[in-house]
Structures are given as structure tokens and as C-alpha cells.
């Protein structure tokens, strides 16, 4: 009985993950401009229009060892970089970002935010 319940839970989990992936990747207009801000900012793009941007504040982001944003990004949009002062940080590739907000939710230091 327990193994049958585990199989059902597994099937539902796989189905749910597939559904989330399809929904996330089918939104063609979700990619917008993304920038890094702060004292040591690397600007990937500028805002235009009314869509929100994902912003990484380089004065808060120190490329922590938690790597939640980097490891859990479903599209691999978050990458590591080294700033001018040889400090590690993360940046977001606007071509890959689907604006799912996972990186924002996972950042333990609130370095990643929505900018409207």
C-alpha cells in the first residue's frame, strides 16, 4: 500500500514539474532587460517600457557560497563574475532569464529584487 502511494506521489510530482517547465518556457515575452546595480555595478541593459526588471545590487551581492540563485535558476541565466575590485558577484543574462523570480526568493541577503 505504501509503495503504491509513493508511486502515485512520484507520478504527480513529475507531472507537476513538467507542467511548470512548459509554463515557464512558453512565455515568450517574459524576457526583459536585466541589470546589476550598486557601487560596483555591471549594467547588462537599461530599462524601457513598463515591464519589471530583475536587479542584482552588487553592493549587497558578494557571490556568496550559498549559490542558491546560481544553482537553482531553471534556465541557467545566473552566472558568476568577478568585479573590478576582484570581488565575486553574480549577473543575470537577459537572453536566458524568464523572470520566474526563483533567484529573488532564494537570495538570503535580498540582493536580487524586482525593479518596476
N, C-alpha and C. Protein backbone atom coordinates (compact mmCIF):
# COMPACT_ATOMS: atom_id res chain seq x y z
N UNK A 1 0.82 -1.19 0.00
CA UNK A 1 0.00 0.00 0.00
C UNK A 1 0.87 1.26 0.00
N UNK A 2 1.91 1.25 0.82
CA UNK A 2 2.78 2.42 0.89
C UNK A 2 3.51 2.62 -0.42
N UNK A 3 3.98 1.57 -1.04
CA UNK A 3 4.69 1.71 -2.32
C UNK A 3 3.77 2.24 -3.40
N UNK A 4 2.50 1.87 -3.38
CA UNK A 4 1.55 2.37 -4.37
C UNK A 4 1.34 3.88 -4.17
N UNK A 5 1.28 4.32 -2.92
CA UNK A 5 1.14 5.74 -2.63
C UNK A 5 2.40 6.51 -3.07
N UNK A 6 3.55 5.92 -2.86
CA UNK A 6 4.79 6.57 -3.29
C UNK A 6 4.85 6.70 -4.80
N UNK A 7 4.38 5.68 -5.51
CA UNK A 7 4.37 5.74 -6.97
C UNK A 7 3.44 6.84 -7.46
N UNK A 8 2.27 6.96 -6.82
CA UNK A 8 1.32 8.00 -7.20
C UNK A 8 1.92 9.38 -6.94
N UNK A 9 2.54 9.55 -5.80
CA UNK A 9 3.17 10.83 -5.47
C UNK A 9 4.28 11.15 -6.47
N UNK A 10 5.07 10.14 -6.83
CA UNK A 10 6.15 10.34 -7.80
C UNK A 10 5.59 10.77 -9.15
N UNK A 11 4.56 10.10 -9.63
CA UNK A 11 3.95 10.44 -10.92
C UNK A 11 3.40 11.85 -10.89
N UNK A 12 2.72 12.22 -9.82
CA UNK A 12 2.17 13.57 -9.71
C UNK A 12 3.27 14.62 -9.64
N UNK A 13 4.35 14.32 -8.96
CA UNK A 13 5.47 15.25 -8.87
C UNK A 13 6.11 15.47 -10.23
N UNK A 14 6.34 14.41 -10.96
CA UNK A 14 6.92 14.52 -12.30
C UNK A 14 6.00 15.31 -13.22
N UNK A 15 4.71 15.04 -13.14
CA UNK A 15 3.73 15.77 -13.95
C UNK A 15 3.74 17.26 -13.61
N UNK A 16 3.76 17.57 -12.33
CA UNK A 16 3.75 18.96 -11.90
C UNK A 16 5.02 19.68 -12.35
N UNK A 17 6.18 19.05 -12.23
CA UNK A 17 7.42 19.66 -12.69
C UNK A 17 7.40 19.90 -14.20
N UNK A 18 6.88 18.95 -14.94
CA UNK A 18 6.78 19.12 -16.39
C UNK A 18 5.85 20.27 -16.74
N UNK A 19 4.75 20.37 -16.02
CA UNK A 19 3.80 21.45 -16.26
C UNK A 19 4.42 22.81 -15.96
N UNK A 20 5.17 22.90 -14.88
CA UNK A 20 5.84 24.15 -14.53
C UNK A 20 6.87 24.52 -15.60
N UNK A 21 7.62 23.55 -16.07
CA UNK A 21 8.63 23.81 -17.09
C UNK A 21 8.00 24.31 -18.38
N UNK A 22 6.90 23.70 -18.79
CA UNK A 22 6.22 24.12 -20.02
C UNK A 22 5.69 25.53 -19.86
N UNK A 23 5.09 25.83 -18.71
CA UNK A 23 4.55 27.17 -18.48
C UNK A 23 5.66 28.21 -18.46
N UNK A 24 6.77 27.89 -17.85
CA UNK A 24 7.87 28.85 -17.74
C UNK A 24 8.50 29.13 -19.10
N UNK A 25 8.70 28.13 -19.90
CA UNK A 25 9.39 28.31 -21.17
C UNK A 25 8.47 28.74 -22.30
N UNK A 26 7.16 28.66 -22.11
CA UNK A 26 6.26 29.04 -23.19
C UNK A 26 5.93 30.52 -23.17
N UNK A 27 6.31 31.22 -22.14
CA UNK A 27 6.03 32.65 -22.04
C UNK A 27 7.09 33.41 -22.82
N UNK A 28 6.82 33.69 -24.08
CA UNK A 28 7.83 34.26 -24.97
C UNK A 28 8.16 35.71 -24.66
N UNK A 29 7.24 36.45 -24.05
CA UNK A 29 7.52 37.86 -23.79
C UNK A 29 7.98 38.11 -22.36
N UNK A 30 8.40 37.05 -21.66
CA UNK A 30 8.80 37.23 -20.27
C UNK A 30 10.23 37.75 -20.12
N UNK A 31 11.05 37.61 -21.14
CA UNK A 31 12.43 38.08 -21.04
C UNK A 31 12.45 39.58 -21.27
N UNK A 32 13.03 40.28 -20.33
CA UNK A 32 13.13 41.73 -20.44
C UNK A 32 14.54 42.12 -20.06
N UNK A 33 14.77 43.37 -19.90
CA UNK A 33 16.10 43.85 -19.59
C UNK A 33 16.44 43.60 -18.12
N UNK A 34 17.64 43.15 -17.87
CA UNK A 34 18.11 42.84 -16.53
C UNK A 34 19.38 43.62 -16.28
N UNK A 35 19.53 44.14 -15.08
CA UNK A 35 20.74 44.90 -14.79
C UNK A 35 21.23 44.58 -13.39
N UNK A 36 22.49 44.84 -13.19
CA UNK A 36 23.11 44.76 -11.88
C UNK A 36 23.38 46.18 -11.45
N UNK A 37 23.01 46.53 -10.20
CA UNK A 37 23.23 47.89 -9.74
C UNK A 37 24.06 47.89 -8.47
N UNK A 38 24.47 49.05 -8.05
CA UNK A 38 25.25 49.19 -6.82
C UNK A 38 26.55 49.90 -7.10
N UNK A 39 27.37 50.01 -6.08
CA UNK A 39 28.63 50.75 -6.20
C UNK A 39 29.56 50.14 -7.25
N UNK A 40 29.58 48.83 -7.36
CA UNK A 40 30.45 48.14 -8.31
C UNK A 40 29.62 47.54 -9.45
N UNK A 41 28.68 48.28 -9.95
CA UNK A 41 27.67 47.73 -10.85
C UNK A 41 28.23 47.34 -12.21
N UNK A 42 27.68 46.27 -12.73
CA UNK A 42 27.87 45.87 -14.11
C UNK A 42 26.48 45.97 -14.74
N UNK A 43 26.31 46.83 -15.72
CA UNK A 43 25.00 47.00 -16.30
C UNK A 43 24.87 46.12 -17.53
N UNK A 44 23.89 45.24 -17.48
CA UNK A 44 23.62 44.36 -18.61
C UNK A 44 22.72 45.03 -19.63
N UNK A 45 21.80 45.86 -19.16
CA UNK A 45 20.87 46.51 -20.06
C UNK A 45 20.19 47.65 -19.31
N UNK A 46 19.42 48.45 -20.05
CA UNK A 46 18.71 49.55 -19.42
C UNK A 46 17.22 49.32 -19.49
N UNK A 47 16.49 50.00 -18.60
CA UNK A 47 15.03 49.87 -18.58
C UNK A 47 14.40 50.68 -19.69
N UNK A 48 13.36 50.14 -20.24
CA UNK A 48 12.49 50.88 -21.13
C UNK A 48 11.16 50.16 -21.13
N UNK A 49 10.08 50.91 -21.13
CA UNK A 49 8.79 50.26 -21.08
C UNK A 49 8.32 50.08 -19.65
N UNK A 50 7.26 49.28 -19.50
CA UNK A 50 6.64 49.14 -18.19
C UNK A 50 6.90 47.80 -17.52
N UNK A 51 7.55 46.86 -18.20
CA UNK A 51 7.81 45.56 -17.60
C UNK A 51 8.84 45.68 -16.49
N UNK A 52 8.67 44.92 -15.41
CA UNK A 52 9.67 44.98 -14.33
C UNK A 52 10.98 44.30 -14.74
N UNK A 53 12.05 44.72 -14.13
CA UNK A 53 13.36 44.13 -14.36
C UNK A 53 13.80 43.38 -13.12
N UNK A 54 14.71 42.45 -13.29
CA UNK A 54 15.34 41.77 -12.16
C UNK A 54 16.65 42.49 -11.93
N UNK A 55 16.88 42.95 -10.69
CA UNK A 55 18.05 43.76 -10.38
C UNK A 55 18.87 43.07 -9.30
N UNK A 56 20.17 42.92 -9.55
CA UNK A 56 21.10 42.42 -8.54
C UNK A 56 21.92 43.60 -8.06
N UNK A 57 21.84 43.90 -6.78
CA UNK A 57 22.60 45.00 -6.19
C UNK A 57 23.99 44.50 -5.85
N UNK A 58 24.98 44.97 -6.61
CA UNK A 58 26.36 44.49 -6.43
C UNK A 58 26.97 44.92 -5.11
N UNK A 59 26.40 45.93 -4.47
CA UNK A 59 26.91 46.32 -3.15
C UNK A 59 26.44 45.36 -2.06
N UNK A 60 25.42 44.56 -2.36
CA UNK A 60 24.92 43.56 -1.42
C UNK A 60 25.38 42.16 -1.82
N UNK A 61 25.40 41.87 -3.13
CA UNK A 61 25.79 40.54 -3.62
C UNK A 61 27.31 40.39 -3.58
N UNK A 62 27.76 39.43 -2.81
CA UNK A 62 29.19 39.16 -2.73
C UNK A 62 29.52 37.78 -3.29
N UNK A 63 28.68 37.27 -4.15
CA UNK A 63 28.95 35.96 -4.74
C UNK A 63 29.06 34.89 -3.67
N UNK A 64 28.09 34.88 -2.78
CA UNK A 64 28.16 34.01 -1.60
C UNK A 64 28.31 32.54 -1.97
N UNK A 65 28.76 31.79 -1.01
CA UNK A 65 28.98 30.36 -1.23
C UNK A 65 27.68 29.57 -1.24
N UNK A 66 26.56 30.21 -0.87
CA UNK A 66 25.28 29.50 -0.90
C UNK A 66 24.90 29.14 -2.33
N UNK A 67 25.15 30.04 -3.25
CA UNK A 67 24.91 29.85 -4.69
C UNK A 67 23.47 29.45 -5.01
N UNK A 68 22.52 29.86 -4.19
CA UNK A 68 21.12 29.49 -4.44
C UNK A 68 20.65 30.00 -5.79
N UNK A 69 20.92 31.27 -6.09
CA UNK A 69 20.44 31.84 -7.35
C UNK A 69 21.11 31.16 -8.54
N UNK A 70 22.38 30.87 -8.41
CA UNK A 70 23.17 30.28 -9.49
C UNK A 70 22.77 28.84 -9.76
N UNK A 71 22.63 28.05 -8.72
CA UNK A 71 22.36 26.62 -8.86
C UNK A 71 20.90 26.35 -9.23
N UNK A 72 19.98 27.14 -8.71
CA UNK A 72 18.56 26.83 -8.88
C UNK A 72 17.87 27.54 -10.03
N UNK A 73 18.58 28.38 -10.75
CA UNK A 73 17.97 29.06 -11.90
C UNK A 73 17.60 28.00 -12.94
N UNK A 74 16.31 27.92 -13.33
CA UNK A 74 15.90 26.86 -14.25
C UNK A 74 16.44 27.00 -15.67
N UNK A 75 16.90 28.19 -16.04
CA UNK A 75 17.40 28.39 -17.40
C UNK A 75 18.91 28.63 -17.45
N UNK A 76 19.56 28.64 -16.30
CA UNK A 76 21.00 28.92 -16.27
C UNK A 76 21.33 30.36 -16.57
N UNK A 77 20.39 31.28 -16.30
CA UNK A 77 20.61 32.70 -16.60
C UNK A 77 21.56 33.38 -15.63
N UNK A 78 21.72 32.83 -14.43
CA UNK A 78 22.59 33.43 -13.43
C UNK A 78 24.00 32.86 -13.60
N UNK A 79 24.98 33.74 -13.67
CA UNK A 79 26.36 33.28 -13.80
C UNK A 79 27.27 34.06 -12.85
N UNK A 80 28.41 33.45 -12.56
CA UNK A 80 29.39 34.08 -11.66
C UNK A 80 30.25 35.04 -12.47
N UNK A 81 30.68 36.10 -11.81
CA UNK A 81 31.59 37.05 -12.44
C UNK A 81 32.51 37.62 -11.37
N UNK A 82 33.55 38.30 -11.80
CA UNK A 82 34.46 38.99 -10.89
C UNK A 82 34.38 40.47 -11.23
N UNK A 83 34.11 41.29 -10.21
CA UNK A 83 34.01 42.73 -10.41
C UNK A 83 35.39 43.36 -10.49
N UNK A 84 35.44 44.65 -10.78
CA UNK A 84 36.72 45.35 -10.95
C UNK A 84 37.63 45.24 -9.73
N UNK A 85 37.06 45.16 -8.55
CA UNK A 85 37.87 45.10 -7.34
C UNK A 85 38.18 43.65 -6.93
N UNK A 86 38.10 42.74 -7.89
CA UNK A 86 38.37 41.30 -7.69
C UNK A 86 37.41 40.63 -6.72
N UNK A 87 36.23 41.20 -6.58
CA UNK A 87 35.21 40.61 -5.72
C UNK A 87 34.24 39.81 -6.58
N UNK A 88 33.84 38.62 -6.09
CA UNK A 88 32.90 37.77 -6.80
C UNK A 88 31.49 38.32 -6.70
N UNK A 89 30.70 38.14 -7.73
CA UNK A 89 29.29 38.51 -7.74
C UNK A 89 28.59 37.66 -8.79
N UNK A 90 27.29 37.78 -8.86
CA UNK A 90 26.51 37.06 -9.86
C UNK A 90 25.84 38.07 -10.78
N UNK A 91 25.65 37.68 -12.03
CA UNK A 91 24.93 38.50 -13.00
C UNK A 91 23.87 37.64 -13.67
N UNK A 92 22.91 38.30 -14.28
CA UNK A 92 21.81 37.60 -14.95
C UNK A 92 21.87 37.90 -16.44
N UNK A 93 21.83 36.86 -17.25
CA UNK A 93 21.81 37.00 -18.70
C UNK A 93 20.37 37.29 -19.14
N UNK A 94 20.10 38.49 -19.67
CA UNK A 94 18.73 38.83 -20.05
C UNK A 94 18.15 37.97 -21.16
N UNK A 95 19.01 37.34 -21.95
CA UNK A 95 18.53 36.47 -23.02
C UNK A 95 18.00 35.14 -22.49
N UNK A 96 18.50 34.72 -21.34
CA UNK A 96 18.09 33.45 -20.75
C UNK A 96 17.04 33.61 -19.65
N UNK A 97 16.97 34.77 -19.03
CA UNK A 97 16.08 34.99 -17.88
C UNK A 97 14.62 34.96 -18.31
N UNK A 98 13.83 34.15 -17.61
CA UNK A 98 12.39 34.06 -17.89
C UNK A 98 11.56 34.78 -16.84
N UNK A 99 12.24 35.47 -15.93
CA UNK A 99 11.58 36.26 -14.87
C UNK A 99 10.65 35.43 -14.01
N UNK A 100 11.12 34.26 -13.63
CA UNK A 100 10.31 33.39 -12.77
C UNK A 100 10.38 33.84 -11.31
N UNK A 101 11.42 34.57 -10.93
CA UNK A 101 11.55 35.08 -9.57
C UNK A 101 12.18 34.12 -8.59
N UNK A 102 12.62 32.97 -9.05
CA UNK A 102 13.23 31.99 -8.15
C UNK A 102 14.47 32.59 -7.49
N UNK A 103 15.31 33.27 -8.26
CA UNK A 103 16.53 33.85 -7.69
C UNK A 103 16.21 34.89 -6.63
N UNK A 104 15.16 35.64 -6.84
CA UNK A 104 14.75 36.66 -5.88
C UNK A 104 14.32 36.01 -4.57
N UNK A 105 13.52 34.96 -4.68
CA UNK A 105 13.02 34.26 -3.49
C UNK A 105 14.14 33.56 -2.72
N UNK A 106 15.16 33.09 -3.42
CA UNK A 106 16.20 32.29 -2.78
C UNK A 106 17.37 33.08 -2.22
N UNK A 107 17.56 34.30 -2.64
CA UNK A 107 18.72 35.08 -2.17
C UNK A 107 18.61 35.35 -0.68
N UNK A 108 19.56 34.83 0.13
CA UNK A 108 19.46 35.01 1.57
C UNK A 108 19.78 36.44 2.03
N UNK A 109 20.31 37.27 1.14
CA UNK A 109 20.70 38.63 1.51
C UNK A 109 19.84 39.70 0.84
N UNK A 110 18.80 39.28 0.13
CA UNK A 110 17.91 40.20 -0.59
C UNK A 110 18.67 41.11 -1.55
N UNK A 111 19.69 40.57 -2.19
CA UNK A 111 20.46 41.34 -3.17
C UNK A 111 19.76 41.38 -4.52
N UNK A 112 18.81 40.48 -4.74
CA UNK A 112 18.11 40.42 -6.02
C UNK A 112 16.67 40.86 -5.80
N UNK A 113 16.23 41.84 -6.57
CA UNK A 113 14.89 42.39 -6.40
C UNK A 113 14.25 42.68 -7.74
N UNK A 114 12.93 42.93 -7.70
CA UNK A 114 12.20 43.41 -8.87
C UNK A 114 12.34 44.92 -8.92
N UNK A 115 12.53 45.45 -10.07
CA UNK A 115 12.50 46.91 -10.24
C UNK A 115 11.42 47.24 -11.25
N UNK A 116 10.50 48.06 -10.83
CA UNK A 116 9.36 48.43 -11.70
C UNK A 116 9.59 49.78 -12.32
